[in-house]
Amino acid sequence: MAAASIYTTEVPVDEYLHRPSSPTTSISPTLVNIAHYTERPSLKLRIPSGASDILNSVVANAAGQSLYSISSNSKPTTLVSCAYNVEVATVQWDRSNPRMVFRRKKIKCKTWLSLTGPQNESRVFTHGDAQFTWTQGSTSGYLIPSNRPGLAVAQWHINPRADELILEIFQESPVESDLFEAIVLSLVLLRSGRSLGDSPENIVLTNSGNLFVPLSANFRF
């Protein structure tokens, strides 16, 4: 199986990241079961080939600038040595319980992104004091925070006209880099098509892994 790397080059990000809303502007929250999510400020990201092979793709903004690159090869996972590149996470698939190193902490994938129940496809991860749950189907999904269960933080869907995945991150609340990276990484795991070690089809995969590296050491959100 393949080792996957996520890396890119430095780009300006201030121009398309969230801007604070005016104190006098009232934004209607978008409930998960309401389609008018465009009323909320958001950052839309494209993942070409993300519908069929998210482990060999890029994460790009609306202007087409690559923010992250996800690539796989047949070698063991290694650090990207390019200047300005910083490793965010490494996922090792070559075991019955895949593990990853995320923010210098080693953890099992099924522990970090755990199932919410034995018969449930939803998965949850913890960021700070809050939990975030991915509720998803085969072509779309929502990320719901535990402290605001009716309000999606992010959503994804498959573009039916192209082999791409669209990720939209809503921006009423500050989206710091750590949470942004956790959202992208969790989506990569969800859409990888591989067992995280807690599903019935759990199998041992050969030497492989995922390396998740942002564009630049100065990459900020």
N, C-alpha and C. Protein backbone atom coordinates (compact mmCIF):
# COMPACT_ATOMS: atom_id res chain seq x y z
N MET A 1 0.83 -1.19 0.00
CA MET A 1 0.00 0.00 0.00
C MET A 1 0.87 1.25 0.00
N ALA A 2 0.31 2.36 -0.10
CA ALA A 2 1.08 3.57 -0.35
C ALA A 2 1.29 4.38 0.91
N ALA A 3 2.37 5.14 0.86
CA ALA A 3 2.58 6.15 1.89
C ALA A 3 2.09 7.46 1.34
N ALA A 4 1.45 8.25 2.13
CA ALA A 4 0.86 9.48 1.62
C ALA A 4 1.49 10.68 2.27
N SER A 5 1.75 11.72 1.46
CA SER A 5 2.34 12.95 1.98
C SER A 5 1.48 14.13 1.63
N ILE A 6 1.34 15.05 2.57
CA ILE A 6 0.61 16.29 2.36
C ILE A 6 1.58 17.45 2.52
N TYR A 7 1.84 18.20 1.44
CA TYR A 7 2.79 19.29 1.51
C TYR A 7 2.48 20.28 0.39
N THR A 8 2.95 21.52 0.55
CA THR A 8 2.75 22.53 -0.48
C THR A 8 3.75 23.64 -0.31
N THR A 9 3.53 24.76 -0.99
CA THR A 9 4.42 25.91 -0.91
C THR A 9 3.70 27.07 -0.27
N GLU A 10 4.43 28.07 0.15
CA GLU A 10 3.86 29.20 0.88
C GLU A 10 2.96 30.04 -0.01
N VAL A 11 1.78 30.39 0.49
CA VAL A 11 0.86 31.26 -0.24
C VAL A 11 0.28 32.27 0.74
N PRO A 12 -0.16 33.45 0.25
CA PRO A 12 -0.84 34.40 1.15
C PRO A 12 -2.22 33.88 1.49
N VAL A 13 -2.56 33.91 2.76
CA VAL A 13 -3.84 33.34 3.17
C VAL A 13 -4.79 34.37 3.75
N ASP A 14 -4.30 35.55 4.14
CA ASP A 14 -5.15 36.53 4.80
C ASP A 14 -6.31 36.98 3.92
N GLU A 15 -6.11 36.95 2.59
CA GLU A 15 -7.12 37.50 1.71
C GLU A 15 -8.36 36.64 1.60
N TYR A 16 -8.28 35.35 1.93
CA TYR A 16 -9.46 34.53 1.78
C TYR A 16 -9.89 33.85 3.06
N LEU A 17 -9.18 34.01 4.13
CA LEU A 17 -9.59 33.44 5.40
C LEU A 17 -10.63 34.33 6.05
N HIS A 18 -11.20 33.85 7.15
CA HIS A 18 -12.35 34.52 7.73
C HIS A 18 -12.01 35.94 8.19
N ARG A 19 -12.97 36.81 7.98
CA ARG A 19 -12.88 38.17 8.47
C ARG A 19 -13.95 38.34 9.54
N PRO A 20 -13.64 39.05 10.63
CA PRO A 20 -14.65 39.25 11.68
C PRO A 20 -15.88 39.96 11.15
N SER A 21 -17.05 39.48 11.53
CA SER A 21 -18.29 40.11 11.10
C SER A 21 -18.48 41.43 11.84
N SER A 22 -19.18 42.36 11.19
CA SER A 22 -19.48 43.64 11.83
C SER A 22 -20.37 43.40 13.03
N PRO A 23 -20.11 44.10 14.14
CA PRO A 23 -20.94 43.92 15.33
C PRO A 23 -22.41 44.21 15.08
N THR A 24 -22.69 45.02 14.05
CA THR A 24 -24.08 45.38 13.78
C THR A 24 -24.74 44.41 12.82
N THR A 25 -23.98 43.44 12.31
CA THR A 25 -24.53 42.51 11.34
C THR A 25 -25.05 41.28 12.04
N SER A 26 -26.28 40.92 11.78
CA SER A 26 -26.88 39.73 12.38
C SER A 26 -26.88 38.62 11.35
N ILE A 27 -26.23 37.49 11.68
CA ILE A 27 -26.15 36.36 10.78
C ILE A 27 -27.02 35.24 11.33
N SER A 28 -27.96 34.78 10.52
CA SER A 28 -28.84 33.71 10.97
C SER A 28 -28.08 32.40 11.01
N PRO A 29 -28.08 31.70 12.15
CA PRO A 29 -27.41 30.40 12.22
C PRO A 29 -28.05 29.43 11.24
N THR A 30 -27.23 28.52 10.73
CA THR A 30 -27.73 27.51 9.81
C THR A 30 -27.87 26.19 10.54
N LEU A 31 -29.08 25.69 10.66
CA LEU A 31 -29.27 24.39 11.26
C LEU A 31 -28.88 23.31 10.26
N VAL A 32 -28.50 22.16 10.77
CA VAL A 32 -28.03 21.08 9.92
C VAL A 32 -29.08 20.65 8.92
N ASN A 33 -30.36 20.70 9.29
CA ASN A 33 -31.41 20.23 8.40
C ASN A 33 -32.01 21.33 7.53
N ILE A 34 -31.33 22.47 7.42
CA ILE A 34 -31.80 23.57 6.58
C ILE A 34 -30.76 23.81 5.49
N ALA A 35 -31.23 23.98 4.25
CA ALA A 35 -30.32 24.03 3.11
C ALA A 35 -29.68 25.39 2.90
N HIS A 36 -30.13 26.45 3.58
CA HIS A 36 -29.65 27.80 3.27
C HIS A 36 -28.34 28.12 3.98
N TYR A 37 -27.34 27.22 3.81
CA TYR A 37 -26.08 27.43 4.49
C TYR A 37 -25.27 28.56 3.86
N THR A 38 -25.62 28.99 2.62
CA THR A 38 -24.87 30.05 1.95
C THR A 38 -25.07 31.40 2.63
N GLU A 39 -26.05 31.51 3.53
CA GLU A 39 -26.25 32.75 4.25
C GLU A 39 -25.15 32.98 5.27
N ARG A 40 -24.38 31.96 5.58
CA ARG A 40 -23.32 32.07 6.57
C ARG A 40 -21.98 32.31 5.89
N PRO A 41 -21.11 33.14 6.48
CA PRO A 41 -19.77 33.31 5.92
C PRO A 41 -19.01 32.00 6.02
N SER A 42 -18.28 31.68 4.99
CA SER A 42 -17.59 30.40 4.99
C SER A 42 -16.38 30.43 4.08
N LEU A 43 -15.52 29.45 4.28
CA LEU A 43 -14.36 29.21 3.42
C LEU A 43 -14.61 27.92 2.67
N LYS A 44 -14.63 27.99 1.34
CA LYS A 44 -14.86 26.81 0.52
C LYS A 44 -13.54 26.30 -0.05
N LEU A 45 -13.33 25.01 0.12
CA LEU A 45 -12.11 24.36 -0.35
C LEU A 45 -12.47 23.25 -1.33
N ARG A 46 -11.63 23.07 -2.33
CA ARG A 46 -11.81 22.02 -3.33
C ARG A 46 -10.73 20.96 -3.15
N ILE A 47 -11.13 19.70 -3.28
CA ILE A 47 -10.17 18.59 -3.24
C ILE A 47 -10.35 17.80 -4.53
N PRO A 48 -9.62 18.16 -5.59
CA PRO A 48 -9.72 17.42 -6.86
C PRO A 48 -9.37 15.95 -6.64
N SER A 49 -10.12 15.08 -7.29
CA SER A 49 -10.01 13.62 -7.15
C SER A 49 -10.32 13.16 -5.73
N GLY A 50 -10.83 14.07 -4.89
CA GLY A 50 -11.16 13.70 -3.52
C GLY A 50 -12.33 12.76 -3.41
N ALA A 51 -13.14 12.66 -4.47
CA ALA A 51 -14.27 11.73 -4.45
C ALA A 51 -13.82 10.29 -4.58
N SER A 52 -12.76 10.05 -5.35
CA SER A 52 -12.33 8.68 -5.60
C SER A 52 -11.00 8.33 -4.96
N ASP A 53 -10.12 9.32 -4.74
CA ASP A 53 -8.79 9.02 -4.22
C ASP A 53 -8.25 10.21 -3.46
N ILE A 54 -8.77 10.41 -2.24
CA ILE A 54 -8.37 11.58 -1.46
C ILE A 54 -6.92 11.47 -1.00
N LEU A 55 -6.34 10.28 -1.00
CA LEU A 55 -4.96 10.11 -0.57
C LEU A 55 -3.95 10.55 -1.63
N ASN A 56 -4.42 10.91 -2.80
CA ASN A 56 -3.56 11.45 -3.86
C ASN A 56 -4.25 12.68 -4.44
N SER A 57 -4.17 13.77 -3.72
CA SER A 57 -4.92 14.95 -4.13
C SER A 57 -4.30 16.20 -3.51
N VAL A 58 -4.98 17.31 -3.66
CA VAL A 58 -4.59 18.57 -3.03
C VAL A 58 -5.82 19.21 -2.41
N VAL A 59 -5.59 20.11 -1.48
CA VAL A 59 -6.66 20.93 -0.91
C VAL A 59 -6.41 22.35 -1.38
N ALA A 60 -7.34 22.90 -2.15
CA ALA A 60 -7.15 24.22 -2.76
C ALA A 60 -8.27 25.16 -2.35
N ASN A 61 -7.95 26.47 -2.33
CA ASN A 61 -8.97 27.46 -2.01
C ASN A 61 -9.74 27.83 -3.28
N ALA A 62 -10.67 28.76 -3.15
CA ALA A 62 -11.52 29.13 -4.28
C ALA A 62 -10.74 29.75 -5.43
N ALA A 63 -9.57 30.34 -5.12
CA ALA A 63 -8.74 30.95 -6.16
C ALA A 63 -7.84 29.93 -6.85
N GLY A 64 -7.91 28.67 -6.41
CA GLY A 64 -7.10 27.64 -7.02
C GLY A 64 -5.72 27.47 -6.40
N GLN A 65 -5.43 28.19 -5.32
CA GLN A 65 -4.15 28.06 -4.64
C GLN A 65 -4.14 26.82 -3.77
N SER A 66 -3.11 26.00 -3.90
CA SER A 66 -3.01 24.77 -3.12
C SER A 66 -2.60 25.10 -1.69
N LEU A 67 -3.39 24.64 -0.75
CA LEU A 67 -3.09 24.83 0.67
C LEU A 67 -2.40 23.59 1.24
N TYR A 68 -2.85 22.43 0.81
CA TYR A 68 -2.26 21.17 1.23
C TYR A 68 -2.17 20.23 0.04
N SER A 69 -1.17 19.36 0.05
CA SER A 69 -1.05 18.33 -0.96
C SER A 69 -1.04 16.97 -0.27
N ILE A 70 -1.80 16.03 -0.79
CA ILE A 70 -1.87 14.69 -0.23
C ILE A 70 -1.33 13.75 -1.31
N SER A 71 -0.20 13.10 -1.05
CA SER A 71 0.38 12.22 -2.05
C SER A 71 0.80 10.90 -1.43
N SER A 72 0.79 9.86 -2.23
CA SER A 72 1.14 8.52 -1.76
C SER A 72 2.24 7.93 -2.61
N ASN A 73 3.11 7.16 -1.98
CA ASN A 73 4.14 6.44 -2.70
C ASN A 73 4.36 5.11 -2.01
N SER A 74 5.23 4.30 -2.56
CA SER A 74 5.43 2.94 -2.06
C SER A 74 6.47 2.85 -0.96
N LYS A 75 7.02 3.97 -0.54
CA LYS A 75 8.07 3.95 0.48
C LYS A 75 7.48 4.22 1.85
N PRO A 76 8.23 3.88 2.91
CA PRO A 76 7.77 4.24 4.26
C PRO A 76 7.63 5.76 4.37
N THR A 77 6.80 6.19 5.29
CA THR A 77 6.57 7.61 5.48
C THR A 77 7.85 8.33 5.91
N THR A 78 8.15 9.45 5.27
CA THR A 78 9.31 10.25 5.63
C THR A 78 8.90 11.71 5.73
N LEU A 79 9.71 12.50 6.42
CA LEU A 79 9.46 13.93 6.51
C LEU A 79 9.77 14.59 5.18
N VAL A 80 9.00 15.62 4.82
CA VAL A 80 9.29 16.41 3.63
C VAL A 80 10.36 17.42 4.00
N SER A 81 11.43 17.43 3.28
CA SER A 81 12.59 18.27 3.65
C SER A 81 12.59 19.65 3.01
N CYS A 82 11.58 19.98 2.23
CA CYS A 82 11.54 21.28 1.56
C CYS A 82 11.48 22.41 2.60
N ALA A 83 12.13 23.52 2.27
CA ALA A 83 12.09 24.69 3.15
C ALA A 83 10.67 25.17 3.32
N TYR A 84 10.34 25.59 4.55
CA TYR A 84 9.04 26.12 4.94
C TYR A 84 7.98 25.05 5.16
N ASN A 85 8.29 23.80 4.85
CA ASN A 85 7.30 22.75 5.09
C ASN A 85 7.35 22.29 6.54
N VAL A 86 6.21 22.03 7.12
CA VAL A 86 6.12 21.59 8.51
C VAL A 86 5.17 20.40 8.57
N GLU A 87 5.61 19.33 9.16
CA GLU A 87 4.76 18.16 9.29
C GLU A 87 3.65 18.42 10.31
N VAL A 88 2.45 18.06 9.93
CA VAL A 88 1.31 18.18 10.83
C VAL A 88 0.95 16.81 11.40
N ALA A 89 0.86 15.80 10.55
CA ALA A 89 0.50 14.46 11.03
C ALA A 89 1.04 13.39 10.11
N THR A 90 1.28 12.23 10.67
CA THR A 90 1.69 11.06 9.91
C THR A 90 0.78 9.91 10.30
N VAL A 91 0.20 9.26 9.29
CA VAL A 91 -0.68 8.13 9.55
C VAL A 91 -0.04 6.87 9.00
N GLN A 92 0.12 5.87 9.84
CA GLN A 92 0.70 4.60 9.46
C GLN A 92 -0.41 3.56 9.34
N TRP A 93 -0.57 3.01 8.13
CA TRP A 93 -1.65 2.06 7.87
C TRP A 93 -1.20 0.60 8.00
N ASP A 94 0.09 0.35 8.19
CA ASP A 94 0.64 -1.01 8.08
C ASP A 94 0.48 -1.82 9.36
N ARG A 95 -0.70 -1.81 9.93
CA ARG A 95 -0.98 -2.56 11.16
C ARG A 95 -2.50 -2.71 11.29
N SER A 96 -2.91 -3.63 12.17
CA SER A 96 -4.34 -3.86 12.33
C SER A 96 -5.05 -2.66 12.93
N ASN A 97 -4.33 -1.91 13.77
CA ASN A 97 -4.86 -0.67 14.34
C ASN A 97 -3.99 0.49 13.88
N PRO A 98 -4.33 1.12 12.75
CA PRO A 98 -3.51 2.22 12.22
C PRO A 98 -3.28 3.30 13.26
N ARG A 99 -2.08 3.85 13.24
CA ARG A 99 -1.73 4.90 14.19
C ARG A 99 -1.27 6.14 13.43
N MET A 100 -1.29 7.26 14.13
CA MET A 100 -0.82 8.50 13.52
C MET A 100 -0.07 9.32 14.56
N VAL A 101 0.76 10.20 14.06
CA VAL A 101 1.41 11.20 14.89
C VAL A 101 0.82 12.53 14.48
N PHE A 102 0.12 13.16 15.41
CA PHE A 102 -0.55 14.43 15.13
C PHE A 102 -0.14 15.44 16.20
N ARG A 103 0.45 16.54 15.76
CA ARG A 103 1.00 17.54 16.67
C ARG A 103 1.97 16.89 17.67
N ARG A 104 2.83 16.05 17.14
CA ARG A 104 3.91 15.37 17.88
C ARG A 104 3.39 14.35 18.89
N LYS A 105 2.13 13.99 18.81
CA LYS A 105 1.56 13.00 19.72
C LYS A 105 1.15 11.76 18.94
N LYS A 106 1.62 10.60 19.38
CA LYS A 106 1.26 9.35 18.73
C LYS A 106 -0.04 8.83 19.32
N ILE A 107 -0.97 8.44 18.45
CA ILE A 107 -2.28 7.98 18.90
C ILE A 107 -2.89 7.07 17.85
N LYS A 108 -3.70 6.11 18.28
CA LYS A 108 -4.41 5.26 17.33
C LYS A 108 -5.49 6.07 16.62
N CYS A 109 -5.64 5.81 15.33
CA CYS A 109 -6.64 6.54 14.55
C CYS A 109 -8.04 6.34 15.13
N LYS A 110 -8.35 5.11 15.54
CA LYS A 110 -9.69 4.84 16.05
C LYS A 110 -9.92 5.50 17.41
N THR A 111 -8.85 5.88 18.09
CA THR A 111 -8.99 6.58 19.37
C THR A 111 -9.21 8.06 19.13
N TRP A 112 -8.46 8.63 18.20
CA TRP A 112 -8.60 10.06 17.92
C TRP A 112 -9.91 10.36 17.19
N LEU A 113 -10.29 9.49 16.25
CA LEU A 113 -11.51 9.69 15.47
C LEU A 113 -12.39 8.46 15.70
N SER A 114 -13.05 8.44 16.83
CA SER A 114 -13.74 7.23 17.28
C SER A 114 -15.18 7.18 16.78
N LEU A 115 -15.69 5.96 16.63
CA LEU A 115 -17.08 5.75 16.29
C LEU A 115 -17.97 6.18 17.46
N THR A 116 -19.12 6.73 17.15
CA THR A 116 -20.03 7.15 18.21
C THR A 116 -20.90 6.00 18.71
N GLY A 117 -20.89 4.88 17.99
CA GLY A 117 -21.65 3.71 18.42
C GLY A 117 -21.31 2.53 17.54
N PRO A 118 -21.59 1.29 17.99
CA PRO A 118 -21.21 0.09 17.24
C PRO A 118 -21.92 -0.03 15.90
N GLN A 119 -23.11 0.52 15.77
CA GLN A 119 -23.86 0.45 14.52
C GLN A 119 -23.98 1.82 13.86
N ASN A 120 -23.03 2.69 14.15
CA ASN A 120 -23.11 4.07 13.70
C ASN A 120 -21.87 4.42 12.90
N GLU A 121 -22.04 5.09 11.76
CA GLU A 121 -20.91 5.51 10.94
C GLU A 121 -20.38 6.88 11.35
N SER A 122 -21.05 7.56 12.26
CA SER A 122 -20.59 8.86 12.72
C SER A 122 -19.33 8.70 13.56
N ARG A 123 -18.42 9.66 13.44
CA ARG A 123 -17.18 9.63 14.21
C ARG A 123 -16.95 10.97 14.89
N VAL A 124 -16.25 10.93 16.01
CA VAL A 124 -16.06 12.13 16.82
C VAL A 124 -14.59 12.32 17.15
N PHE A 125 -14.13 13.58 17.16
CA PHE A 125 -12.79 13.90 17.65
C PHE A 125 -12.90 15.05 18.63
N THR A 126 -11.91 15.17 19.49
CA THR A 126 -11.90 16.21 20.52
C THR A 126 -10.88 17.28 20.16
N HIS A 127 -11.29 18.53 20.30
CA HIS A 127 -10.38 19.66 20.08
C HIS A 127 -10.57 20.63 21.23
N GLY A 128 -9.55 20.80 22.05
CA GLY A 128 -9.67 21.64 23.23
C GLY A 128 -10.67 21.03 24.19
N ASP A 129 -11.67 21.83 24.58
CA ASP A 129 -12.70 21.35 25.50
C ASP A 129 -13.95 20.87 24.79
N ALA A 130 -13.95 20.86 23.46
CA ALA A 130 -15.15 20.52 22.70
C ALA A 130 -14.95 19.25 21.88
N GLN A 131 -16.04 18.56 21.65
CA GLN A 131 -16.05 17.41 20.76
C GLN A 131 -16.76 17.80 19.47
N PHE A 132 -16.30 17.20 18.37
CA PHE A 132 -16.87 17.48 17.06
C PHE A 132 -17.22 16.15 16.40
N THR A 133 -18.44 16.04 15.92
CA THR A 133 -18.93 14.79 15.36
C THR A 133 -19.21 14.92 13.87
N TRP A 134 -18.60 14.03 13.07
CA TRP A 134 -18.91 13.95 11.66
C TRP A 134 -20.13 13.05 11.48
N THR A 135 -21.22 13.60 11.00
CA THR A 135 -22.40 12.84 10.62
C THR A 135 -22.45 12.83 9.11
N GLN A 136 -22.37 11.65 8.52
CA GLN A 136 -22.17 11.62 7.08
C GLN A 136 -22.91 10.49 6.39
N GLY A 137 -23.10 10.69 5.08
CA GLY A 137 -23.62 9.67 4.20
C GLY A 137 -22.56 9.34 3.17
N SER A 138 -22.97 8.78 2.04
CA SER A 138 -22.01 8.39 1.03
C SER A 138 -21.51 9.55 0.19
N THR A 139 -22.28 10.65 0.11
CA THR A 139 -21.90 11.76 -0.75
C THR A 139 -21.85 13.11 -0.04
N SER A 140 -22.10 13.14 1.26
CA SER A 140 -22.07 14.40 1.99
C SER A 140 -21.98 14.14 3.48
N GLY A 141 -21.62 15.19 4.23
CA GLY A 141 -21.55 15.04 5.68
C GLY A 141 -21.45 16.40 6.36
N TYR A 142 -21.74 16.41 7.67
CA TYR A 142 -21.69 17.62 8.48
C TYR A 142 -20.81 17.38 9.70
N LEU A 143 -20.14 18.44 10.14
CA LEU A 143 -19.35 18.39 11.37
C LEU A 143 -20.08 19.23 12.42
N ILE A 144 -20.50 18.57 13.50
CA ILE A 144 -21.33 19.22 14.51
C ILE A 144 -20.57 19.32 15.83
N PRO A 145 -20.47 20.52 16.43
CA PRO A 145 -19.81 20.66 17.73
C PRO A 145 -20.75 20.26 18.85
N SER A 146 -20.19 19.69 19.93
CA SER A 146 -21.01 19.23 21.05
C SER A 146 -21.68 20.39 21.79
N ASN A 147 -21.04 21.56 21.76
CA ASN A 147 -21.61 22.69 22.50
C ASN A 147 -22.67 23.45 21.70
N ARG A 148 -22.81 23.13 20.40
CA ARG A 148 -23.86 23.73 19.57
C ARG A 148 -24.40 22.64 18.63
N PRO A 149 -25.14 21.69 19.15
CA PRO A 149 -25.49 20.49 18.38
C PRO A 149 -26.34 20.73 17.15
N GLY A 150 -26.99 21.88 17.02
CA GLY A 150 -27.80 22.14 15.84
C GLY A 150 -27.08 22.92 14.76
N LEU A 151 -25.83 23.32 15.00
CA LEU A 151 -25.14 24.23 14.09
C LEU A 151 -23.88 23.56 13.55
N ALA A 152 -23.79 23.40 12.24
CA ALA A 152 -22.63 22.77 11.62
C ALA A 152 -21.44 23.71 11.61
N VAL A 153 -20.26 23.18 11.94
CA VAL A 153 -19.01 23.91 11.83
C VAL A 153 -18.46 23.79 10.42
N ALA A 154 -18.70 22.64 9.80
CA ALA A 154 -18.21 22.38 8.45
C ALA A 154 -19.13 21.38 7.78
N GLN A 155 -19.03 21.31 6.47
CA GLN A 155 -19.75 20.29 5.72
C GLN A 155 -18.97 19.97 4.46
N TRP A 156 -19.19 18.77 3.94
CA TRP A 156 -18.56 18.37 2.68
C TRP A 156 -19.60 17.72 1.79
N HIS A 157 -19.35 17.75 0.50
CA HIS A 157 -20.19 17.03 -0.44
C HIS A 157 -19.39 16.73 -1.69
N ILE A 158 -19.85 15.73 -2.41
CA ILE A 158 -19.23 15.36 -3.68
C ILE A 158 -19.82 16.19 -4.80
N ASN A 159 -18.97 16.78 -5.63
CA ASN A 159 -19.44 17.49 -6.81
C ASN A 159 -19.85 16.45 -7.85
N PRO A 160 -21.14 16.35 -8.17
CA PRO A 160 -21.60 15.30 -9.09
C PRO A 160 -21.09 15.47 -10.52
N ARG A 161 -20.59 16.66 -10.85
CA ARG A 161 -20.11 16.91 -12.20
C ARG A 161 -18.61 16.72 -12.36
N ALA A 162 -17.95 16.38 -11.27
CA ALA A 162 -16.50 16.19 -11.33
C ALA A 162 -16.07 15.26 -10.21
N ASP A 163 -14.90 14.70 -10.37
CA ASP A 163 -14.36 13.81 -9.34
C ASP A 163 -13.67 14.67 -8.28
N GLU A 164 -14.46 15.43 -7.55
CA GLU A 164 -13.90 16.30 -6.53
C GLU A 164 -14.80 16.37 -5.31
N LEU A 165 -14.18 16.70 -4.20
CA LEU A 165 -14.90 16.86 -2.94
C LEU A 165 -14.82 18.33 -2.54
N ILE A 166 -15.94 18.89 -2.12
CA ILE A 166 -16.00 20.28 -1.68
C ILE A 166 -16.13 20.30 -0.16
N LEU A 167 -15.21 20.98 0.49
CA LEU A 167 -15.25 21.15 1.95
C LEU A 167 -15.54 22.61 2.25
N GLU A 168 -16.57 22.86 3.04
CA GLU A 168 -16.93 24.22 3.41
C GLU A 168 -16.84 24.36 4.93
N ILE A 169 -16.05 25.33 5.38
CA ILE A 169 -15.87 25.58 6.81
C ILE A 169 -16.51 26.92 7.13
N PHE A 170 -17.50 26.90 8.03
CA PHE A 170 -18.22 28.12 8.37
C PHE A 170 -17.40 28.97 9.34
N GLN A 171 -17.62 30.29 9.29
CA GLN A 171 -16.66 31.21 9.88
C GLN A 171 -17.22 32.21 10.89
N GLU A 172 -18.39 31.95 11.49
CA GLU A 172 -18.85 32.90 12.50
C GLU A 172 -17.89 32.94 13.69
N SER A 173 -17.41 31.79 14.09
CA SER A 173 -16.44 31.69 15.18
C SER A 173 -15.04 31.59 14.61
N PRO A 174 -14.04 32.07 15.33
CA PRO A 174 -12.67 31.96 14.84
C PRO A 174 -12.29 30.50 14.58
N VAL A 175 -11.70 30.24 13.44
CA VAL A 175 -11.24 28.89 13.11
C VAL A 175 -9.71 28.93 13.15
N GLU A 176 -9.13 28.58 14.30
CA GLU A 176 -7.69 28.64 14.44
C GLU A 176 -7.05 27.49 13.67
N SER A 177 -5.75 27.59 13.44
CA SER A 177 -5.07 26.63 12.58
C SER A 177 -5.18 25.21 13.09
N ASP A 178 -5.11 25.01 14.41
CA ASP A 178 -5.19 23.65 14.95
C ASP A 178 -6.52 22.99 14.61
N LEU A 179 -7.62 23.72 14.75
CA LEU A 179 -8.92 23.16 14.42
C LEU A 179 -9.05 22.96 12.92
N PHE A 180 -8.56 23.89 12.13
CA PHE A 180 -8.61 23.77 10.68
C PHE A 180 -7.90 22.49 10.24
N GLU A 181 -6.70 22.27 10.79
CA GLU A 181 -5.94 21.07 10.44
C GLU A 181 -6.65 19.81 10.88
N ALA A 182 -7.29 19.85 12.06
CA ALA A 182 -8.01 18.68 12.55
C ALA A 182 -9.20 18.35 11.65
N ILE A 183 -9.89 19.38 11.16
CA ILE A 183 -11.01 19.16 10.26
C ILE A 183 -10.55 18.49 8.97
N VAL A 184 -9.48 19.02 8.38
CA VAL A 184 -8.99 18.46 7.13
C VAL A 184 -8.47 17.04 7.34
N LEU A 185 -7.69 16.83 8.39
CA LEU A 185 -7.14 15.51 8.66
C LEU A 185 -8.24 14.49 8.92
N SER A 186 -9.25 14.86 9.70
CA SER A 186 -10.33 13.93 9.99
C SER A 186 -11.09 13.56 8.72
N LEU A 187 -11.25 14.52 7.81
CA LEU A 187 -11.93 14.23 6.55
C LEU A 187 -11.09 13.28 5.69
N VAL A 188 -9.77 13.46 5.68
CA VAL A 188 -8.90 12.56 4.95
C VAL A 188 -9.04 11.13 5.47
N LEU A 189 -9.07 10.97 6.79
CA LEU A 189 -9.25 9.65 7.38
C LEU A 189 -10.61 9.06 7.01
N LEU A 190 -11.65 9.87 7.11
CA LEU A 190 -13.00 9.40 6.80
C LEU A 190 -13.14 8.94 5.36
N ARG A 191 -12.52 9.67 4.44
CA ARG A 191 -12.68 9.39 3.02
C ARG A 191 -11.56 8.54 2.44
N SER A 192 -10.67 8.04 3.28
CA SER A 192 -9.53 7.27 2.79
C SER A 192 -9.94 5.92 2.23
N GLY A 193 -11.10 5.41 2.66
CA GLY A 193 -11.53 4.09 2.22
C GLY A 193 -10.84 2.97 2.96
N ARG A 194 -10.11 3.30 4.00
CA ARG A 194 -9.37 2.29 4.76
C ARG A 194 -9.93 2.17 6.18
N SER A 195 -9.75 0.99 6.73
CA SER A 195 -10.20 0.75 8.10
C SER A 195 -9.34 1.53 9.08
N LEU A 196 -9.96 2.07 10.10
CA LEU A 196 -9.22 2.75 11.17
C LEU A 196 -8.95 1.80 12.33
N GLY A 197 -9.32 0.53 12.17
CA GLY A 197 -9.02 -0.46 13.19
C GLY A 197 -10.20 -0.87 14.05
N ASP A 198 -11.38 -0.29 13.78
CA ASP A 198 -12.53 -0.61 14.62
C ASP A 198 -13.75 -1.01 13.80
N SER A 199 -13.53 -1.40 12.55
CA SER A 199 -14.64 -1.81 11.70
C SER A 199 -14.53 -3.30 11.39
N PRO A 200 -15.63 -3.95 11.03
CA PRO A 200 -15.60 -5.40 10.77
C PRO A 200 -14.65 -5.79 9.67
N GLU A 201 -14.44 -4.91 8.68
CA GLU A 201 -13.57 -5.25 7.56
C GLU A 201 -12.11 -4.95 7.86
N ASN A 202 -11.78 -4.75 9.15
CA ASN A 202 -10.43 -4.43 9.57
C ASN A 202 -9.42 -5.44 9.02
N ILE A 203 -8.42 -4.96 8.31
CA ILE A 203 -7.39 -5.83 7.75
C ILE A 203 -6.03 -5.22 8.01
N VAL A 204 -4.98 -6.05 7.92
CA VAL A 204 -3.63 -5.55 8.07
C VAL A 204 -3.14 -5.13 6.69
N LEU A 205 -2.73 -3.89 6.54
CA LEU A 205 -2.25 -3.37 5.27
C LEU A 205 -0.74 -3.37 5.26
N THR A 206 -0.16 -3.39 4.07
CA THR A 206 1.29 -3.42 3.96
C THR A 206 1.89 -2.06 4.23
N ASN A 207 3.22 -1.99 4.20
CA ASN A 207 3.97 -0.81 4.58
C ASN A 207 3.46 0.43 3.88
N SER A 208 2.85 1.35 4.63
CA SER A 208 2.27 2.55 4.03
C SER A 208 2.03 3.57 5.11
N GLY A 209 1.62 4.78 4.69
CA GLY A 209 1.34 5.82 5.66
C GLY A 209 0.90 7.10 5.01
N ASN A 210 0.47 8.04 5.82
CA ASN A 210 0.07 9.36 5.33
C ASN A 210 0.88 10.43 6.03
N LEU A 211 1.42 11.34 5.28
CA LEU A 211 2.15 12.47 5.86
C LEU A 211 1.38 13.74 5.56
N PHE A 212 1.02 14.47 6.60
CA PHE A 212 0.18 15.65 6.46
C PHE A 212 1.01 16.87 6.80
N VAL A 213 1.34 17.67 5.79
CA VAL A 213 2.24 18.80 5.96
C VAL A 213 1.63 20.04 5.31
N PRO A 214 1.57 21.18 6.01
CA PRO A 214 0.98 22.38 5.43
C PRO A 214 1.93 23.08 4.48
N LEU A 215 1.43 24.11 3.85
CA LEU A 215 2.20 24.85 2.87
C LEU A 215 3.45 25.49 3.46
N SER A 216 3.36 26.03 4.64
CA SER A 216 4.45 26.85 5.15
C SER A 216 4.48 26.84 6.66
N ALA A 217 5.66 27.06 7.20
CA ALA A 217 5.79 27.18 8.64
C ALA A 217 5.04 28.40 9.15
N ASN A 218 4.81 29.36 8.26
CA ASN A 218 4.12 30.59 8.64
C ASN A 218 2.64 30.55 8.29
N PHE A 219 2.13 29.36 7.98
CA PHE A 219 0.74 29.21 7.57
C PHE A 219 -0.17 29.48 8.76
N ARG A 220 -1.05 30.47 8.65
CA ARG A 220 -1.89 30.86 9.77
C ARG A 220 -3.35 30.93 9.34
N PHE A 221 -4.23 30.78 10.34
CA PHE A 221 -5.67 30.94 10.12
C PHE A 221 -6.23 31.85 11.19
